[in-house]
Structure formats: structure tokens, C-alpha cells
């Protein structure tokens, strides 16, 4: 039986200041089936090695994008990565032929500043989080990745308890260790 190899692409501009993302990474650091790839640490100058990224994507069965939601969007480095790496002929085709990403699973592991209640029709954000993530999920689908959903922890601009963050990190580990996908 082959093990599902998972690539966790981390796109957080300041991991040393992030409680949730740092907890998640600490919790998964010993998983043999997981490769953690920190974009900000790898590319401090913002210049993406496209061939290296393509090779990493080819070598893994599941791609997890881990990032904080900034202004209802991805971080600038993740957007730069999308633009450089997800190119025609590799990530998508126009003739219906399979891309290099076809059949691979993908999901999102996001941290959110506001509360879950904020992301409701009657909340301050006026819509659920999945609607804000739609450009990312559509990009993944266009690249023939099998989008599996997202795992989110909310309330990061507030004093989220250590217990909440520990439970989130343990759930994240469980999902990755068992090659499962999130419900959200």
C-alpha cells in the first residue's frame, strides 16, 4: 500500500508572530507523509523557482494551502505563487487534456481574524467564508485539482485560548496523518 504524500504550502508572512499557524506546524513536524514548504522562508526575495515548485507538486498526491486570510483574500506571496506556478501546460490546459495536477486532492487550512459569527449573512462580513475563498477554490478546480474543502480556525485577532489552538492543531494533524480532508 502506498502512502498518500501531502505537500503543505505555508504562506504566512510572519510565522514567528502567528500562534495558530505555528501551532499547526509544530503539531505536524514529525509526520513522514507530509512535506512542509514555507514560501516566505524559501523565497524571501519573492522570486519563485517555478521548476522546483512544479517538481514538488508532481511528487505529492494532496496539496494543502495553509495561510491566514488577509482582507478576505490570500497573502501576497501565495498570490505571487499562483501567478508564477499555476501556468498553462502544467497546471491547466484548454484542450481538455489532463494537467500535471489532474486527480490530485487539494484543500485549504486557513486562519481567520474575525469570529465565525462575522462570516454569516447577518454578520459584519455579510457572507460565509467559503464565498470569500471562491477565487482560490475556483483556481484549484480550473487546475484540475480535486478541491476537498477547508479547515479554519476563527477569531485570531482576539485572545483565542491556547486550548482552542491546541485542539485545532490536533485536528489538523489528524487530518494530515490519516490523509483525510476537512468537513468545512
Protein backbone atom coordinates (compact mmCIF):
# COMPACT_ATOMS: atom_id res chain seq x y z
CA UNK A 1 0.00 0.00 0.00
CA UNK A 2 1.37 3.40 -0.93
CA UNK A 3 1.18 6.29 1.45
CA UNK A 4 -0.52 9.47 0.35
CA UNK A 5 2.15 12.16 0.18
CA UNK A 6 0.92 15.57 1.25
CA UNK A 7 2.52 18.90 0.45
CA UNK A 8 1.63 21.67 2.90
CA UNK A 9 2.37 25.00 1.25
CA UNK A 10 2.63 27.59 4.01
CA UNK A 11 2.14 31.22 3.02
CA UNK A 12 2.34 33.25 6.23
CA UNK A 13 4.47 36.40 6.16
CA UNK A 14 5.40 36.23 9.84
CA UNK A 15 5.21 32.77 11.37
CA UNK A 16 7.07 33.88 14.49
CA UNK A 17 4.08 36.09 15.36
CA UNK A 18 1.43 33.51 14.46
CA UNK A 19 0.07 31.37 17.26
CA UNK A 20 -2.33 29.27 15.19
CA UNK A 21 -0.13 28.60 12.16
CA UNK A 22 2.93 27.94 14.31
CA UNK A 23 0.91 25.51 16.49
CA UNK A 24 -0.30 23.69 13.39
CA UNK A 25 3.22 23.32 12.02
CA UNK A 26 4.64 22.19 15.36
CA UNK A 27 1.93 19.53 15.58
CA UNK A 28 2.71 18.03 12.13
CA UNK A 29 6.51 18.33 12.04
CA UNK A 30 7.11 14.61 12.61
CA UNK A 31 4.63 13.25 10.03
CA UNK A 32 6.53 11.16 7.49
CA UNK A 33 3.93 11.56 4.75
CA UNK A 34 3.93 15.39 4.96
CA UNK A 35 6.31 17.87 3.36
CA UNK A 36 6.06 21.40 4.76
CA UNK A 37 7.06 24.09 2.27
CA UNK A 38 7.22 27.64 3.67
CA UNK A 39 7.04 30.07 0.76
CA UNK A 40 8.15 33.15 2.70
CA UNK A 41 11.22 31.34 4.12
CA UNK A 42 12.09 29.74 0.78
CA UNK A 43 11.66 32.88 -1.30
CA UNK A 44 12.48 35.92 0.86
CA UNK A 45 13.12 37.91 -2.32
CA UNK A 46 9.73 36.88 -3.76
CA UNK A 47 11.32 35.20 -6.80
CA UNK A 48 9.70 31.81 -7.25
CA UNK A 49 11.70 28.86 -8.63
CA UNK A 50 8.95 27.57 -10.91
CA UNK A 51 10.69 24.29 -11.83
CA UNK A 52 11.24 23.47 -8.15
CA UNK A 53 7.60 24.20 -7.39
CA UNK A 54 6.42 22.06 -10.29
CA UNK A 55 8.58 19.17 -9.06
CA UNK A 56 7.18 19.46 -5.53
CA UNK A 57 3.64 19.43 -6.87
CA UNK A 58 4.36 16.39 -9.06
CA UNK A 59 5.81 14.46 -6.09
CA UNK A 60 2.72 14.79 -3.89
CA UNK A 61 -0.82 13.42 -4.00
CA UNK A 62 -2.51 16.04 -1.85
CA UNK A 63 -1.81 19.78 -1.74
CA UNK A 64 -2.77 21.80 1.34
CA UNK A 65 -2.56 25.57 1.18
CA UNK A 66 -2.06 26.95 4.70
CA UNK A 67 -2.44 30.70 5.05
CA UNK A 68 -4.05 33.46 7.08
CA UNK A 69 -6.98 35.21 5.42
CA UNK A 70 -5.90 38.83 4.88
CA UNK A 71 -8.56 41.32 3.85
CA UNK A 72 -10.80 38.46 2.68
CA UNK A 73 -8.02 37.11 0.48
CA UNK A 74 -4.79 35.11 0.29
CA UNK A 75 -1.42 36.55 1.31
CA UNK A 76 0.63 38.37 -1.29
CA UNK A 77 3.20 35.55 -1.53
CA UNK A 78 0.51 32.96 -2.20
CA UNK A 79 -0.91 35.15 -4.97
CA UNK A 80 2.61 35.51 -6.42
CA UNK A 81 3.00 31.73 -6.23
CA UNK A 82 -0.32 31.18 -8.06
CA UNK A 83 0.71 33.56 -10.84
CA UNK A 84 4.18 32.04 -11.29
CA UNK A 85 3.48 28.32 -10.77
CA UNK A 86 -0.05 27.63 -11.99
CA UNK A 87 0.70 28.15 -15.67
CA UNK A 88 -0.78 26.85 -18.89
CA UNK A 89 0.57 23.48 -19.95
CA UNK A 90 1.43 22.49 -16.40
CA UNK A 91 -1.50 23.42 -14.17
CA UNK A 92 -4.23 23.73 -16.77
CA UNK A 93 -4.99 23.06 -20.41
CA UNK A 94 -7.53 24.41 -22.85
CA UNK A 95 -7.98 21.25 -24.92
CA UNK A 96 -9.40 19.06 -22.17
CA UNK A 97 -6.24 17.02 -21.72
CA UNK A 98 -5.13 16.30 -18.15
CA UNK A 99 -2.85 18.80 -16.43
CA UNK A 100 0.08 17.74 -14.25
CA UNK A 101 -2.24 18.37 -11.28
CA UNK A 102 -5.19 16.36 -12.55
CA UNK A 103 -6.56 13.98 -9.94
CA UNK A 104 -4.57 15.35 -7.02
CA UNK A 105 -6.56 16.41 -3.97
CA UNK A 106 -6.35 19.93 -2.57
CA UNK A 107 -7.73 21.68 0.48
CA UNK A 108 -7.20 24.84 2.48
CA UNK A 109 -6.04 25.31 6.06
CA UNK A 110 -6.87 28.90 6.93
CA UNK A 111 -6.71 31.12 9.95
CA UNK A 112 -9.18 33.96 10.20
CA UNK A 113 -9.00 37.12 12.28
CA UNK A 114 -12.72 37.51 12.89
CA UNK A 115 -15.16 35.15 14.53
CA UNK A 116 -17.29 32.53 12.82
CA UNK A 117 -20.34 34.72 13.53
CA UNK A 118 -18.76 37.52 11.49
CA UNK A 119 -18.92 35.24 8.44
CA UNK A 120 -22.70 34.99 8.27
CA UNK A 121 -25.22 36.79 6.11
CA UNK A 122 -26.15 38.97 9.05
CA UNK A 123 -22.54 39.31 10.28
CA UNK A 124 -20.06 42.08 9.55
CA UNK A 125 -18.57 40.18 6.59
CA UNK A 126 -22.08 39.71 5.12
CA UNK A 127 -21.32 36.26 3.68
CA UNK A 128 -19.75 32.95 4.71
CA UNK A 129 -16.02 32.37 4.47
CA UNK A 130 -16.35 29.89 1.61
CA UNK A 131 -17.66 32.72 -0.60
CA UNK A 132 -14.51 34.74 0.09
CA UNK A 133 -12.40 31.67 -0.68
CA UNK A 134 -14.19 31.12 -4.02
CA UNK A 135 -11.41 32.62 -6.20
CA UNK A 136 -8.93 30.18 -4.64
CA UNK A 137 -11.24 27.18 -4.88
CA UNK A 138 -12.13 28.02 -8.48
CA UNK A 139 -8.42 28.32 -9.31
CA UNK A 140 -7.81 24.86 -7.84
CA UNK A 141 -10.73 23.40 -9.80
CA UNK A 142 -9.59 25.09 -13.03
CA UNK A 143 -6.19 23.45 -12.48
CA UNK A 144 -7.97 20.08 -12.32
CA UNK A 145 -7.29 19.62 -8.62
CA UNK A 146 -10.00 17.84 -6.65
CA UNK A 147 -10.95 20.51 -4.11
CA UNK A 148 -11.86 18.93 -0.76
CA UNK A 149 -12.90 21.89 1.39
CA UNK A 150 -11.25 23.92 4.12
CA UNK A 151 -10.22 23.66 7.75
CA UNK A 152 -10.47 27.01 9.54
CA UNK A 153 -9.80 28.45 12.94
CA UNK A 154 -11.50 31.79 13.63
CA UNK A 155 -11.02 34.71 15.99
CA UNK A 156 -7.28 35.21 15.67
CA UNK A 157 -7.43 38.98 16.28
CA UNK A 158 -8.97 38.21 19.66
CA UNK A 159 -7.34 36.33 22.51
CA UNK A 160 -8.08 32.86 21.21
CA UNK A 161 -7.40 30.39 24.01
CA UNK A 162 -4.40 28.10 23.99
CA UNK A 163 -6.83 25.20 24.41
CA UNK A 164 -8.74 26.16 21.24
CA UNK A 165 -5.50 26.45 19.28
CA UNK A 166 -4.22 23.12 20.64
CA UNK A 167 -7.47 21.39 19.64
CA UNK A 168 -7.26 22.96 16.17
CA UNK A 169 -3.65 21.80 15.73
CA UNK A 170 -4.52 18.26 16.86
CA UNK A 171 -7.40 18.12 14.37
CA UNK A 172 -5.09 19.41 11.64
CA UNK A 173 -2.59 16.67 12.50
CA UNK A 174 -5.31 14.03 12.46
CA UNK A 175 -6.47 15.12 9.01
CA UNK A 176 -2.95 15.06 7.57
CA UNK A 177 -1.80 11.88 9.33
CA UNK A 178 -4.82 9.94 8.13
CA UNK A 179 -4.91 11.51 4.64
CA UNK A 180 -8.39 12.82 5.40
CA UNK A 181 -9.98 16.01 4.22
CA UNK A 182 -11.83 18.67 6.22
CA UNK A 183 -15.57 18.83 6.61
CA UNK A 184 -15.82 22.64 6.31
